[in-house]
Amino acid sequence: MSENMKNNDEKIIALKENEEKNPIKKRELIKTLIIIFLAAMLLLTFFSNTIMNRSLPEITTETTSSGKLTERVRGSGMIMSNQTYEVTIDSVRVIEKINIKSGQKVKKDDVLFTVTVGSSAELREAETALDSMMLQYQTALLSEPVDYSSENQAIKNAREDLNQAIARRDQAYNNQANIEQAQNQYLNDKQELSILTAKQGKLSAAISAIDSDNYSAAPPEYTGNLPVLYGAYADADAEYNTAYGLYSKAVEEGTDEAVVNTAKADADAKMTVRDDAKRAYDDEKIFIRSDLAVQLADLEYQITDISGRITQYESNSQGGGMSYEDCVADVRMKERALEELMIALQKAQKTDNINNQISNLNLEAQKKAIDKQKEKIAELKEKTTATEIKSKYDGIVNAVNVQPDDSTTPGVPLALIDIAEEGYTVEITVDSDKVKKIKTGVKAELVNNFSGKAEAVLQKIKNDTTAGSRSKILEFSVTGDVESGTFVELSIPCGSASYDAIVPKSAVYQDKDGSFVLKVRSKSSPFGNRYYAERVMVEVLASDETSSAVQGGISRGDSLITAASKPVSAGDQVRMKDK
């Protein structure tokens, strides 16, 4: 019994020890579960923030600076020689050898071409000319009898015209007051019709451009911002088609579902952008076309009304549409015409004898010309040696217009040589607003002149005479290592100034409200800084090729958005690009 009691006591002690340990295990288990829960929450929070950041637009920024900026205007044109020498020959020859090529420098008296008589084409032409001269001479020997019937008929007709003009003058005198009033109205109507017709043409062209979505030849004053909206729609449509193609390809190739979903989301987003762009374009198109159609209908009504008045005046006006003064002048003109015809007839009759003598002298001159032509033919038959064509000036060969074995044509240039010492000229067309700060005498930079041995100086500022143009033509004198016919791009300085805010051109955006920039604004959070786009309206003061000087709600050191992985609007959260 004592042994059994001892075993029972040991079991009781063991049970008590286990009971004392169980609460400790429970607390440790609860602590472990809490730690695991907190770690899981932290991981989920971290990854959700990372996923959110990856979905935000990734932006590239540049910092606002201050300092000097030189405003520039760009334009391009073709370099033209101020004076070009045409190499010609006054006879028909065959090109035996060509000693020059385009762009080659030549000196005075350098041999340019070697020519020969060749197939005697000039000789044949000379013989043909002789036959023609002989025919003319033999024809001139035939004399016609003197006949004045046409002169007498002309005098009769002139007398009848004079009588009719006198009748119109008398009729116009009796209705002079009414004629003057009607004529003034007629002249005003003609002027107004011309203006309205021109405007009608522009309206019709604008409507046609809208209907065909082709604004290349449309008057910009009537199409508004339709070309810009249509371009935005076309770009958005192209981006959507590209995105949809990628999505379709991913589906066809069985790409990972996440990639397919991403491609579909991108395509859907670009479809929305495209649809919005099309809707904006269609709405503006309907509005502008309706307005133009109303203007055109009203204009056509005015044109019909004015045309009717003009037609009525021209059919009913007294004096054949002429004022009394015009009728008087017409009578005077016809009197003088009659007198001149009568004097001419008398003079013709008096000079017939002299003309006969002149005819004889002409026959003699033709006979002498025939003899000289025969001598020329004889000389051509003797010419068999080659002839060298030499340059008359120093210069640069602009063009060679013949090939070996070609036959020359008298007066047609064999080559064109630019006389280098006379210099070169290039003209560019720029907007009138940009010319205000440009002065004659300024030196322009030749952007694509890689040799660096040329200089362009502004000589003249001229108006562009193209109909409807609001541009100016800048004429530059170009010196140095250049060639005629070469296109060059000029960068023209318009003056320098210091500005408090200078930003990249890519940071300045434009909409219907004006120019603006997107400034990056940071906001602290438990997980770090968050960045947002803030719209700031600015005024562009000056620009060069890469930068713009602005004024507005920005200052030196502000970070501005210059590019983004997708469209960004004011207030959007963005993600800074890793550097």
Protein backbone atom coordinates (compact mmCIF):
# COMPACT_ATOMS: atom_id res chain seq x y z
CA MET A 1 0.00 0.00 0.00
CA SER A 2 2.76 2.35 0.80
CA GLU A 3 4.22 1.79 -2.70
CA ASN A 4 0.88 2.57 -4.34
CA MET A 5 0.44 5.70 -2.32
CA LYS A 6 3.87 6.83 -3.29
CA ASN A 7 3.06 6.43 -7.01
CA ASN A 8 -0.19 8.32 -6.59
CA ASP A 9 1.60 11.19 -4.89
CA GLU A 10 4.04 11.41 -7.78
CA LYS A 11 1.21 11.51 -10.32
CA ILE A 12 -0.55 14.26 -8.36
CA ILE A 13 2.66 16.29 -8.25
CA ALA A 14 3.15 15.84 -12.05
CA LEU A 15 -0.40 16.97 -12.76
CA LYS A 16 0.07 20.08 -10.64
CA GLU A 17 3.29 20.93 -12.51
CA ASN A 18 1.52 20.56 -15.88
CA GLU A 19 -1.29 22.83 -14.66
CA GLU A 20 1.27 25.42 -13.59
CA LYS A 21 3.00 25.33 -17.07
CA ASN A 22 -0.18 25.54 -19.28
CA PRO A 23 -0.89 29.31 -18.66
CA ILE A 24 2.70 30.13 -19.69
CA LYS A 25 2.28 28.25 -22.97
CA LYS A 26 -1.01 30.00 -23.63
CA ARG A 27 0.56 33.44 -23.14
CA GLU A 28 3.46 32.57 -25.43
CA LEU A 29 1.08 31.29 -28.09
CA ILE A 30 -1.02 34.49 -27.94
CA LYS A 31 2.14 36.63 -28.13
CA THR A 32 3.35 34.67 -31.16
CA LEU A 33 -0.01 35.07 -32.93
CA ILE A 34 -0.02 38.84 -32.29
CA ILE A 35 3.51 39.19 -33.72
CA ILE A 36 2.55 37.19 -36.81
CA PHE A 37 -0.61 39.34 -37.27
CA LEU A 38 1.30 42.62 -36.96
CA ALA A 39 4.00 41.42 -39.38
CA ALA A 40 1.34 40.37 -41.89
CA MET A 41 -0.39 43.77 -41.60
CA LEU A 42 2.94 45.55 -42.11
CA LEU A 43 3.75 43.46 -45.17
CA LEU A 44 0.28 44.00 -46.64
CA THR A 45 0.53 47.76 -46.00
CA PHE A 46 3.98 47.94 -47.59
CA PHE A 47 3.02 45.97 -50.68
CA SER A 48 -0.28 47.83 -51.13
CA ASN A 49 1.62 51.11 -51.05
CA THR A 50 4.14 49.73 -53.56
CA ILE A 51 1.35 48.48 -55.87
CA MET A 52 -0.38 51.84 -55.65
CA ASN A 53 2.86 53.65 -56.49
CA ARG A 54 3.41 51.42 -59.53
CA SER A 55 -0.05 52.38 -60.87
CA LEU A 56 0.68 56.11 -60.60
CA PRO A 57 2.00 58.09 -63.63
CA GLU A 58 5.79 58.16 -63.63
CA ILE A 59 7.01 61.71 -64.22
CA THR A 60 10.23 63.41 -65.26
CA THR A 61 10.89 66.82 -63.73
CA GLU A 62 13.21 69.76 -64.21
CA THR A 63 13.92 72.62 -61.84
CA THR A 64 13.02 76.24 -62.54
CA SER A 65 16.09 78.43 -62.95
CA SER A 66 16.82 82.10 -63.44
CA GLY A 67 19.27 84.02 -65.55
CA LYS A 68 19.70 85.26 -69.12
CA LEU A 69 17.81 83.89 -72.12
CA THR A 70 18.42 84.77 -75.76
CA GLU A 71 15.18 84.56 -77.73
CA ARG A 72 15.65 83.02 -81.19
CA VAL A 73 13.60 82.54 -84.35
CA ARG A 74 14.25 79.60 -86.70
CA GLY A 75 13.61 79.28 -90.40
CA SER A 76 14.98 77.49 -93.44
CA GLY A 77 15.51 78.34 -97.09
CA MET A 78 17.56 77.61 -100.18
CA ILE A 79 20.85 79.39 -100.80
CA MET A 80 20.81 81.20 -104.14
CA SER A 81 23.73 82.82 -105.89
CA ASN A 82 23.49 86.59 -106.34
CA GLN A 83 24.88 86.29 -109.86
CA THR A 84 25.09 83.23 -112.11
CA TYR A 85 27.07 83.04 -115.34
CA GLU A 86 25.49 80.99 -118.14
CA VAL A 87 27.99 79.15 -120.34
CA THR A 88 26.51 79.26 -123.85
CA ILE A 89 27.61 78.77 -127.46
CA ASP A 90 26.09 80.55 -130.46
CA SER A 91 26.30 77.60 -132.82
CA VAL A 92 25.43 73.91 -132.98
CA ARG A 93 28.29 71.71 -131.83
CA VAL A 94 28.75 68.21 -130.34
CA ILE A 95 30.09 67.86 -126.77
CA GLU A 96 33.33 65.89 -127.03
CA LYS A 97 34.68 66.29 -123.49
CA ILE A 98 33.41 67.72 -120.17
CA ASN A 99 36.12 69.00 -117.81
CA ILE A 100 33.92 70.15 -114.90
CA LYS A 101 31.36 68.78 -112.44
CA SER A 102 28.80 70.32 -110.10
CA GLY A 103 30.35 72.01 -107.04
CA GLN A 104 33.81 72.35 -108.65
CA LYS A 105 35.72 75.62 -108.34
CA VAL A 106 36.93 77.10 -111.62
CA LYS A 107 39.20 79.98 -112.58
CA LYS A 108 38.86 82.41 -115.43
CA ASP A 109 40.05 80.87 -118.74
CA ASP A 110 39.79 77.29 -117.40
CA VAL A 111 38.67 74.91 -120.18
CA LEU A 112 35.12 73.80 -119.40
CA PHE A 113 34.15 71.87 -122.55
CA THR A 114 35.67 70.64 -125.79
CA VAL A 115 33.23 70.67 -128.75
CA THR A 116 33.39 69.59 -132.37
CA VAL A 117 31.35 70.14 -135.52
CA GLY A 118 30.02 66.61 -135.17
CA SER A 119 27.35 65.59 -137.64
CA SER A 120 27.22 69.06 -139.30
CA ALA A 121 23.79 69.80 -137.82
CA GLU A 122 24.63 73.52 -137.88
CA LEU A 123 25.55 73.22 -141.55
CA ARG A 124 22.22 71.64 -142.32
CA GLU A 125 20.43 74.38 -140.41
CA ALA A 126 22.36 77.03 -142.30
CA GLU A 127 21.38 75.42 -145.60
CA THR A 128 17.74 75.27 -144.47
CA ALA A 129 17.91 78.95 -143.51
CA LEU A 130 19.29 79.75 -146.99
CA ASP A 131 16.36 77.96 -148.60
CA SER A 132 13.97 79.98 -146.44
CA MET A 133 15.70 83.24 -147.36
CA MET A 134 15.53 82.36 -151.04
CA LEU A 135 11.81 81.66 -150.71
CA GLN A 136 11.23 85.00 -148.97
CA TYR A 137 13.21 86.82 -151.64
CA GLN A 138 11.32 85.21 -154.51
CA THR A 139 8.02 85.90 -152.72
CA ALA A 140 8.95 89.57 -152.27
CA LEU A 141 9.52 89.85 -156.02
CA LEU A 142 5.81 89.26 -156.50
CA SER A 143 4.05 92.66 -156.25
CA GLU A 144 0.38 93.14 -155.46
CA PRO A 145 -1.83 95.95 -156.81
CA VAL A 146 -2.60 98.81 -154.43
CA ASP A 147 -6.08 98.43 -152.85
CA TYR A 148 -7.67 100.92 -150.41
CA SER A 149 -11.03 99.18 -149.98
CA SER A 150 -10.28 98.13 -146.41
CA GLU A 151 -9.25 101.67 -145.40
CA ASN A 152 -12.43 103.09 -146.95
CA GLN A 153 -14.56 100.52 -145.12
CA ALA A 154 -12.79 101.35 -141.83
CA ILE A 155 -13.59 105.05 -142.35
CA LYS A 156 -17.25 104.19 -142.98
CA ASN A 157 -17.42 102.08 -139.84
CA ALA A 158 -15.72 104.78 -137.76
CA ARG A 159 -18.23 107.36 -138.97
CA GLU A 160 -21.14 105.08 -137.94
CA ASP A 161 -19.55 104.51 -134.53
CA LEU A 162 -19.21 108.28 -134.09
CA ASN A 163 -22.89 108.85 -134.88
CA GLN A 164 -23.91 106.20 -132.33
CA ALA A 165 -21.62 107.73 -129.68
CA ILE A 166 -23.18 111.18 -130.29
CA ALA A 167 -26.65 109.67 -129.79
CA ARG A 168 -25.57 108.04 -126.51
CA ARG A 169 -24.02 111.31 -125.33
CA ASP A 170 -27.23 113.25 -126.00
CA GLN A 171 -29.33 110.62 -124.24
CA ALA A 172 -26.96 110.53 -121.26
CA TYR A 173 -27.09 114.33 -120.97
CA ASN A 174 -30.88 114.23 -120.56
CA ASN A 175 -30.61 111.62 -117.77
CA GLN A 176 -27.34 112.67 -116.20
CA ALA A 177 -28.62 112.95 -112.61
CA ASN A 178 -30.20 109.50 -112.66
CA ILE A 179 -27.15 108.01 -114.35
CA GLU A 180 -24.75 109.36 -111.72
CA GLN A 181 -26.84 107.99 -108.86
CA ALA A 182 -27.29 104.61 -110.56
CA GLN A 183 -23.62 104.42 -111.49
CA ASN A 184 -22.49 105.15 -107.93
CA GLN A 185 -24.78 102.42 -106.67
CA TYR A 186 -23.50 100.13 -109.44
CA LEU A 187 -19.84 100.74 -108.49
CA ASN A 188 -20.58 100.17 -104.81
CA ASP A 189 -22.45 96.96 -105.65
CA LYS A 190 -19.57 95.72 -107.80
CA GLN A 191 -17.09 96.34 -104.97
CA GLU A 192 -19.35 94.73 -102.38
CA LEU A 193 -19.97 91.72 -104.68
CA SER A 194 -16.22 91.19 -105.06
CA ILE A 195 -15.74 91.19 -101.27
CA LEU A 196 -18.69 88.86 -100.64
CA THR A 197 -17.63 86.49 -103.41
CA ALA A 198 -14.16 86.17 -101.91
CA LYS A 199 -15.65 85.49 -98.49
CA GLN A 200 -18.05 82.95 -100.07
CA GLY A 201 -15.08 81.07 -101.51
CA LYS A 202 -13.38 80.91 -98.13
CA LEU A 203 -16.54 79.73 -96.37
CA SER A 204 -17.12 77.03 -99.00
CA ALA A 205 -13.49 75.90 -98.70
CA ALA A 206 -13.78 75.75 -94.90
CA ILE A 207 -17.00 73.67 -95.07
CA SER A 208 -15.43 71.31 -97.62
CA ALA A 209 -12.39 70.91 -95.36
CA ILE A 210 -14.62 70.12 -92.36
CA ASP A 211 -16.65 67.57 -94.37
CA SER A 212 -13.50 65.83 -95.61
CA ASP A 213 -11.47 66.21 -92.34
CA ASN A 214 -8.67 67.70 -94.46
CA TYR A 215 -7.57 71.10 -93.16
CA SER A 216 -4.39 71.53 -95.21
CA ALA A 217 -5.93 74.17 -97.53
CA ALA A 218 -8.70 75.48 -95.25
CA PRO A 219 -8.76 79.17 -94.21
CA PRO A 220 -7.65 79.04 -90.54
CA GLU A 221 -9.85 81.99 -89.59
CA TYR A 222 -12.97 79.83 -90.18
CA THR A 223 -11.87 76.39 -88.92
CA GLY A 224 -10.89 77.51 -85.42
CA ASN A 225 -9.16 74.80 -83.40
CA LEU A 226 -10.61 71.94 -85.47
CA PRO A 227 -7.19 71.02 -86.97
CA VAL A 228 -5.75 70.73 -83.42
CA LEU A 229 -8.72 68.68 -82.16
CA TYR A 230 -8.59 66.42 -85.22
CA GLY A 231 -4.84 65.91 -84.75
CA ALA A 232 -5.41 65.03 -81.07
CA TYR A 233 -8.11 62.53 -82.06
CA ALA A 234 -5.89 60.97 -84.77
CA ASP A 235 -3.00 60.61 -82.30
CA ALA A 236 -5.29 59.10 -79.63
CA ASP A 237 -6.77 56.69 -82.20
CA ALA A 238 -3.28 55.58 -83.26
CA GLU A 239 -2.27 55.01 -79.61
CA TYR A 240 -5.47 53.01 -78.99
CA ASN A 241 -4.91 50.84 -82.07
CA THR A 242 -1.36 50.12 -80.91
CA ALA A 243 -2.51 49.26 -77.36
CA TYR A 244 -5.38 47.10 -78.64
CA GLY A 245 -2.97 45.28 -80.96
CA LEU A 246 -0.72 44.46 -77.99
CA TYR A 247 -3.73 43.24 -75.99
CA SER A 248 -4.97 41.06 -78.88
CA LYS A 249 -1.49 39.63 -79.36
CA ALA A 250 -1.25 38.80 -75.64
CA VAL A 251 -4.62 37.01 -75.78
CA GLU A 252 -3.69 35.07 -78.93
CA GLU A 253 -0.32 33.98 -77.52
CA GLY A 254 -1.84 32.88 -74.18
CA THR A 255 0.28 35.30 -72.18
CA ASP A 256 0.03 35.41 -68.40
CA GLU A 257 -3.39 36.67 -67.19
CA ALA A 258 -1.86 39.59 -65.32
CA VAL A 259 -0.10 40.76 -68.51
CA VAL A 260 -3.35 40.34 -70.49
CA ASN A 261 -5.31 42.31 -67.90
CA THR A 262 -2.70 45.07 -67.88
CA ALA A 263 -2.75 45.25 -71.69
CA LYS A 264 -6.57 45.33 -71.69
CA ALA A 265 -6.63 48.08 -69.05
CA ASP A 266 -4.17 50.11 -71.10
CA ALA A 267 -6.23 49.58 -74.28
CA ASP A 268 -9.46 50.52 -72.44
CA ALA A 269 -7.84 53.67 -71.07
CA LYS A 270 -6.58 54.70 -74.51
CA MET A 271 -10.02 53.92 -76.00
CA THR A 272 -11.55 56.30 -73.45
CA VAL A 273 -9.00 58.97 -74.36
CA ARG A 274 -9.69 58.39 -78.05
CA ASP A 275 -13.48 58.51 -77.58
CA ASP A 276 -13.17 61.72 -75.53
CA ALA A 277 -10.96 63.26 -78.23
CA LYS A 278 -13.40 62.22 -80.99
CA ARG A 279 -16.36 63.52 -79.02
CA ALA A 280 -14.64 66.86 -78.48
CA TYR A 281 -13.72 67.04 -82.18
CA ASP A 282 -17.22 66.03 -83.37
CA ASP A 283 -18.94 68.52 -81.04
CA GLU A 284 -16.71 71.40 -82.18
CA LYS A 285 -17.04 70.27 -85.82
CA ILE A 286 -20.87 70.28 -85.67
CA PHE A 287 -20.90 73.67 -83.97
CA ILE A 288 -18.46 75.36 -86.36
CA ARG A 289 -19.98 73.81 -89.51
CA SER A 290 -23.49 74.86 -88.50
CA ASP A 291 -22.27 78.39 -87.91
CA LEU A 292 -20.42 78.45 -91.26
CA ALA A 293 -23.49 77.08 -93.05
CA VAL A 294 -25.63 79.88 -91.61
CA GLN A 295 -23.02 82.46 -92.63
CA LEU A 296 -22.80 80.97 -96.14
CA ALA A 297 -26.59 80.95 -96.59
CA ASP A 298 -26.82 84.58 -95.50
CA LEU A 299 -23.89 85.47 -97.76
CA GLU A 300 -25.46 83.73 -100.77
CA TYR A 301 -28.69 85.66 -100.19
CA GLN A 302 -26.74 88.95 -100.18
CA ILE A 303 -24.80 87.93 -103.31
CA THR A 304 -28.04 87.04 -105.14
CA ASP A 305 -29.58 90.38 -104.19
CA ILE A 306 -26.54 92.44 -105.24
CA SER A 307 -26.06 90.42 -108.46
CA GLY A 308 -29.67 91.13 -109.38
CA ARG A 309 -29.15 94.88 -108.95
CA ILE A 310 -25.96 94.78 -111.03
CA THR A 311 -27.67 92.81 -113.84
CA GLN A 312 -30.62 95.19 -113.83
CA TYR A 313 -28.33 98.22 -114.00
CA GLU A 314 -26.24 96.79 -116.85
CA SER A 315 -29.35 95.96 -118.89
CA ASN A 316 -31.33 99.15 -118.19
CA SER A 317 -28.72 101.89 -117.72
CA GLN A 318 -28.77 104.81 -120.11
CA GLY A 319 -25.80 105.50 -122.35
CA GLY A 320 -24.71 101.83 -122.34
CA GLY A 321 -23.72 102.05 -118.65
CA MET A 322 -21.58 105.15 -119.31
CA SER A 323 -21.78 108.51 -117.54
CA TYR A 324 -22.31 111.73 -119.48
CA GLU A 325 -18.59 112.56 -119.12
CA ASP A 326 -17.69 109.09 -120.41
CA CYS A 327 -20.03 109.58 -123.38
CA VAL A 328 -18.42 112.95 -124.16
CA ALA A 329 -14.98 111.36 -123.96
CA ASP A 330 -16.18 108.49 -126.17
CA VAL A 331 -17.42 110.95 -128.82
CA ARG A 332 -14.11 112.78 -128.73
CA MET A 333 -12.18 109.51 -129.04
CA LYS A 334 -14.25 108.36 -132.02
CA GLU A 335 -13.88 111.74 -133.72
CA ARG A 336 -10.14 111.46 -133.40
CA ALA A 337 -10.23 107.87 -134.60
CA LEU A 338 -12.13 108.94 -137.73
CA GLU A 339 -9.70 111.77 -138.34
CA GLU A 340 -6.73 109.44 -137.89
CA LEU A 341 -8.16 106.94 -140.39
CA MET A 342 -8.67 109.67 -142.99
CA ILE A 343 -5.18 111.06 -142.38
CA ALA A 344 -3.75 107.54 -142.55
CA LEU A 345 -5.43 106.92 -145.89
CA GLN A 346 -4.08 110.15 -147.30
CA LYS A 347 -0.64 109.36 -145.96
CA ALA A 348 -0.78 105.82 -147.37
CA GLN A 349 -1.66 107.15 -150.77
CA LYS A 350 1.19 109.65 -150.63
CA THR A 351 3.75 107.10 -149.46
CA ASP A 352 2.95 104.27 -151.85
CA ASN A 353 5.56 105.53 -154.29
CA ILE A 354 8.11 105.71 -151.48
CA ASN A 355 7.14 102.18 -150.35
CA ASN A 356 7.82 100.90 -153.81
CA GLN A 357 11.31 102.34 -153.62
CA ILE A 358 11.77 100.86 -150.12
CA SER A 359 10.61 97.51 -151.46
CA ASN A 360 13.33 97.63 -154.04
CA LEU A 361 15.89 98.45 -151.37
CA ASN A 362 14.62 95.53 -149.24
CA LEU A 363 14.96 93.20 -152.16
CA GLU A 364 18.53 94.32 -152.58
CA ALA A 365 19.21 93.79 -148.85
CA GLN A 366 17.70 90.31 -149.01
CA LYS A 367 19.93 89.52 -151.97
CA LYS A 368 22.99 90.59 -149.96
CA ALA A 369 21.84 88.51 -146.95
CA ILE A 370 21.54 85.51 -149.23
CA ASP A 371 25.08 86.03 -150.45
CA LYS A 372 26.36 86.25 -146.86
CA GLN A 373 24.50 83.07 -145.91
CA LYS A 374 26.16 81.29 -148.81
CA GLU A 375 29.53 82.47 -147.51
CA LYS A 376 28.66 81.21 -144.00
CA ILE A 377 27.80 77.80 -145.40
CA ALA A 378 31.13 77.70 -147.14
CA GLU A 379 32.91 78.54 -143.87
CA LEU A 380 30.99 75.85 -141.96
CA LYS A 381 32.02 73.28 -144.48
CA GLU A 382 35.66 74.15 -143.80
CA LYS A 383 35.38 73.86 -139.97
CA THR A 384 36.51 70.41 -138.83
CA THR A 385 38.77 71.12 -135.81
CA ALA A 386 37.67 70.91 -132.14
CA THR A 387 36.94 74.07 -130.11
CA GLU A 388 37.53 74.75 -126.41
CA ILE A 389 34.87 76.54 -124.32
CA LYS A 390 36.55 78.52 -121.50
CA SER A 391 35.20 80.18 -118.35
CA LYS A 392 34.91 83.96 -118.37
CA TYR A 393 34.93 84.29 -114.56
CA ASP A 394 36.15 82.71 -111.33
CA GLY A 395 33.35 80.78 -109.62
CA ILE A 396 31.73 77.51 -108.55
CA VAL A 397 29.94 75.18 -110.95
CA ASN A 398 26.23 75.20 -110.08
CA ALA A 399 25.02 72.76 -112.74
CA VAL A 400 26.20 70.91 -115.84
CA ASN A 401 23.34 70.58 -118.33
CA VAL A 402 24.91 68.38 -121.04
CA GLN A 403 26.48 64.95 -121.46
CA PRO A 404 29.22 63.77 -123.83
CA ASP A 405 28.00 63.42 -127.44
CA ASP A 406 25.07 65.83 -126.82
CA SER A 407 24.41 68.43 -129.49
CA THR A 408 24.36 72.04 -128.31
CA THR A 409 21.57 74.52 -128.95
CA PRO A 410 22.48 78.18 -129.57
CA GLY A 411 21.66 80.28 -126.49
CA VAL A 412 20.86 77.28 -124.25
CA PRO A 413 23.26 77.11 -121.26
CA LEU A 414 25.73 74.23 -121.25
CA ALA A 415 26.50 74.94 -117.57
CA LEU A 416 25.73 77.44 -114.80
CA ILE A 417 28.58 78.95 -112.77
CA ASP A 418 27.96 80.92 -109.59
CA ILE A 419 30.26 83.94 -109.40
CA ALA A 420 31.47 83.46 -105.82
CA GLU A 421 32.72 87.02 -105.31
CA GLU A 422 29.17 88.33 -105.82
CA GLY A 423 27.98 86.38 -102.74
CA TYR A 424 24.83 84.38 -101.96
CA THR A 425 21.35 85.10 -100.67
CA VAL A 426 18.84 83.01 -98.68
CA GLU A 427 15.25 83.96 -97.84
CA ILE A 428 13.16 82.51 -95.01
CA THR A 429 9.52 83.10 -94.09
CA VAL A 430 8.55 83.76 -90.45
CA ASP A 431 5.43 84.96 -88.59
CA SER A 432 4.96 88.71 -88.45
CA ASP A 433 4.81 88.68 -84.63
CA LYS A 434 8.30 87.15 -84.41
CA VAL A 435 9.85 89.83 -86.63
CA LYS A 436 9.12 92.68 -84.23
CA LYS A 437 12.33 92.04 -82.26
CA ILE A 438 14.56 91.39 -85.28
CA LYS A 439 16.66 94.20 -86.79
CA THR A 440 18.55 94.33 -90.07
CA GLY A 441 22.27 93.71 -89.70
CA VAL A 442 21.86 90.90 -87.16
CA LYS A 443 24.00 87.80 -87.71
CA ALA A 444 22.19 84.46 -87.84
CA GLU A 445 23.64 81.05 -87.00
CA LEU A 446 23.63 78.41 -89.76
CA VAL A 447 22.42 75.45 -87.72
CA ASN A 448 23.32 72.72 -90.24
CA ASN A 449 26.58 74.28 -91.45
CA PHE A 450 28.97 71.65 -90.18
CA SER A 451 32.06 73.32 -91.62
CA GLY A 452 31.44 76.45 -89.57
CA LYS A 453 32.93 78.60 -92.36
CA ALA A 454 29.81 80.53 -93.36
CA GLU A 455 28.04 83.62 -92.09
CA ALA A 456 24.52 84.98 -92.69
CA VAL A 457 23.62 88.67 -92.13
CA LEU A 458 20.05 90.02 -92.32
CA GLN A 459 19.78 92.59 -95.14
CA LYS A 460 16.05 93.16 -95.70
CA ILE A 461 12.67 92.48 -94.07
CA LYS A 462 9.95 92.23 -96.74
CA ASN A 463 6.22 91.52 -96.81
CA ASP A 464 5.07 88.09 -97.99
CA THR A 465 2.96 88.88 -101.07
CA THR A 466 1.20 85.48 -100.99
CA ALA A 467 -2.56 85.99 -100.84
CA GLY A 468 -3.83 85.79 -97.25
CA SER A 469 -0.33 85.52 -95.78
CA ARG A 470 0.50 87.31 -92.53
CA SER A 471 4.17 86.44 -92.66
CA LYS A 472 7.36 88.37 -93.37
CA ILE A 473 10.27 87.37 -95.59
CA LEU A 474 13.78 87.81 -94.16
CA GLU A 475 16.54 88.19 -96.76
CA PHE A 476 20.05 87.24 -95.61
CA SER A 477 23.39 87.81 -97.29
CA VAL A 478 25.46 84.61 -96.99
CA THR A 479 29.24 84.45 -97.29
CA GLY A 480 31.72 81.64 -96.77
CA ASP A 481 31.88 77.96 -97.66
CA VAL A 482 28.36 77.42 -99.14
CA GLU A 483 26.85 76.20 -102.41
CA SER A 484 23.90 77.47 -104.40
CA GLY A 485 20.83 75.23 -104.15
CA THR A 486 21.65 74.04 -100.61
CA PHE A 487 18.93 74.19 -97.95
CA VAL A 488 20.08 75.74 -94.68
CA GLU A 489 18.40 76.31 -91.35
CA LEU A 490 19.00 79.68 -89.67
CA SER A 491 18.74 80.53 -85.98
CA ILE A 492 18.21 84.29 -85.54
CA PRO A 493 18.86 85.96 -82.14
CA CYS A 494 16.20 88.48 -81.06
CA GLY A 495 18.00 89.91 -78.05
CA SER A 496 18.90 88.74 -74.52
CA ALA A 497 17.32 89.60 -71.17
CA SER A 498 17.42 88.37 -67.56
CA TYR A 499 14.39 86.52 -66.22
CA ASP A 500 13.42 85.26 -62.77
CA ALA A 501 11.87 82.02 -64.04
CA ILE A 502 13.30 80.01 -66.94
CA VAL A 503 11.75 76.60 -67.65
CA PRO A 504 12.14 73.91 -70.35
CA LYS A 505 9.76 74.30 -73.28
CA SER A 506 8.49 70.77 -72.61
CA ALA A 507 7.19 71.94 -69.21
CA VAL A 508 4.85 74.58 -70.70
CA TYR A 509 1.40 73.40 -71.79
CA GLN A 510 -1.40 75.21 -73.59
CA ASP A 511 -5.20 74.94 -73.48
CA LYS A 512 -8.20 77.20 -73.99
CA ASP A 513 -7.43 79.08 -70.75
CA GLY A 514 -3.84 79.91 -71.75
CA SER A 515 -0.36 78.70 -70.85
CA PHE A 516 0.34 76.72 -67.67
CA VAL A 517 2.88 74.44 -65.98
CA LEU A 518 2.41 71.44 -63.69
CA LYS A 519 4.38 72.01 -60.49
CA VAL A 520 5.20 69.05 -58.24
CA ARG A 521 3.85 69.48 -54.66
CA SER A 522 4.98 67.05 -51.93
CA LYS A 523 2.97 65.90 -48.90
CA SER A 524 4.30 63.89 -45.95
CA SER A 525 2.66 60.57 -44.95
CA PRO A 526 3.54 57.71 -42.57
CA PHE A 527 5.03 55.86 -45.53
CA GLY A 528 7.09 58.71 -46.88
CA ASN A 529 6.46 61.70 -49.16
CA ARG A 530 3.63 61.65 -51.69
CA TYR A 531 3.75 63.87 -54.77
CA TYR A 532 0.90 65.71 -56.51
CA ALA A 533 0.59 67.77 -59.72
CA GLU A 534 -0.43 71.40 -59.22
CA ARG A 535 -1.57 73.54 -62.19
CA VAL A 536 0.01 77.03 -62.26
CA MET A 537 -0.99 79.58 -64.92
CA VAL A 538 1.97 81.41 -66.49
CA GLU A 539 2.68 83.96 -69.20
CA VAL A 540 5.44 83.14 -71.70
CA LEU A 541 7.71 86.17 -72.03
CA ALA A 542 10.37 84.82 -74.41
CA SER A 543 11.65 81.53 -75.85
CA ASP A 544 14.68 79.98 -77.50
CA GLU A 545 15.08 76.49 -78.99
CA THR A 546 14.83 74.66 -75.64
CA SER A 547 13.67 77.05 -72.89
CA SER A 548 10.98 79.63 -72.15
CA ALA A 549 11.03 82.58 -69.77
CA VAL A 550 7.72 82.81 -67.87
CA GLN A 551 6.06 84.76 -65.12
CA GLY A 552 3.38 83.49 -62.78
CA GLY A 553 3.05 81.51 -59.59
CA ILE A 554 6.42 79.76 -59.81
CA SER A 555 9.89 80.65 -58.62
CA ARG A 556 13.45 79.44 -58.88
CA GLY A 557 13.91 75.87 -57.59
CA ASP A 558 10.35 74.66 -58.25
CA SER A 559 10.13 71.19 -59.81
CA LEU A 560 8.05 71.12 -63.00
CA ILE A 561 6.73 68.09 -64.91
CA THR A 562 8.33 67.79 -68.36
CA ALA A 563 7.17 64.28 -69.28
CA ALA A 564 4.91 61.54 -67.89
CA SER A 565 4.23 57.89 -68.60
CA LYS A 566 0.53 58.74 -69.03
CA PRO A 567 -1.64 61.91 -69.01
CA VAL A 568 -1.47 63.96 -65.82
CA SER A 569 -4.05 66.53 -64.66
CA ALA A 570 -4.02 69.06 -61.85
CA GLY A 571 -4.45 67.32 -58.46
CA ASP A 572 -3.29 63.90 -59.69
CA GLN A 573 -0.91 61.91 -57.48
CA VAL A 574 2.28 61.08 -59.39
CA ARG A 575 5.43 59.00 -58.98
CA MET A 576 8.89 60.50 -59.39
CA LYS A 577 11.09 58.73 -61.95
CA ASP A 578 13.99 56.85 -60.41
CA LYS A 579 17.31 58.53 -61.16
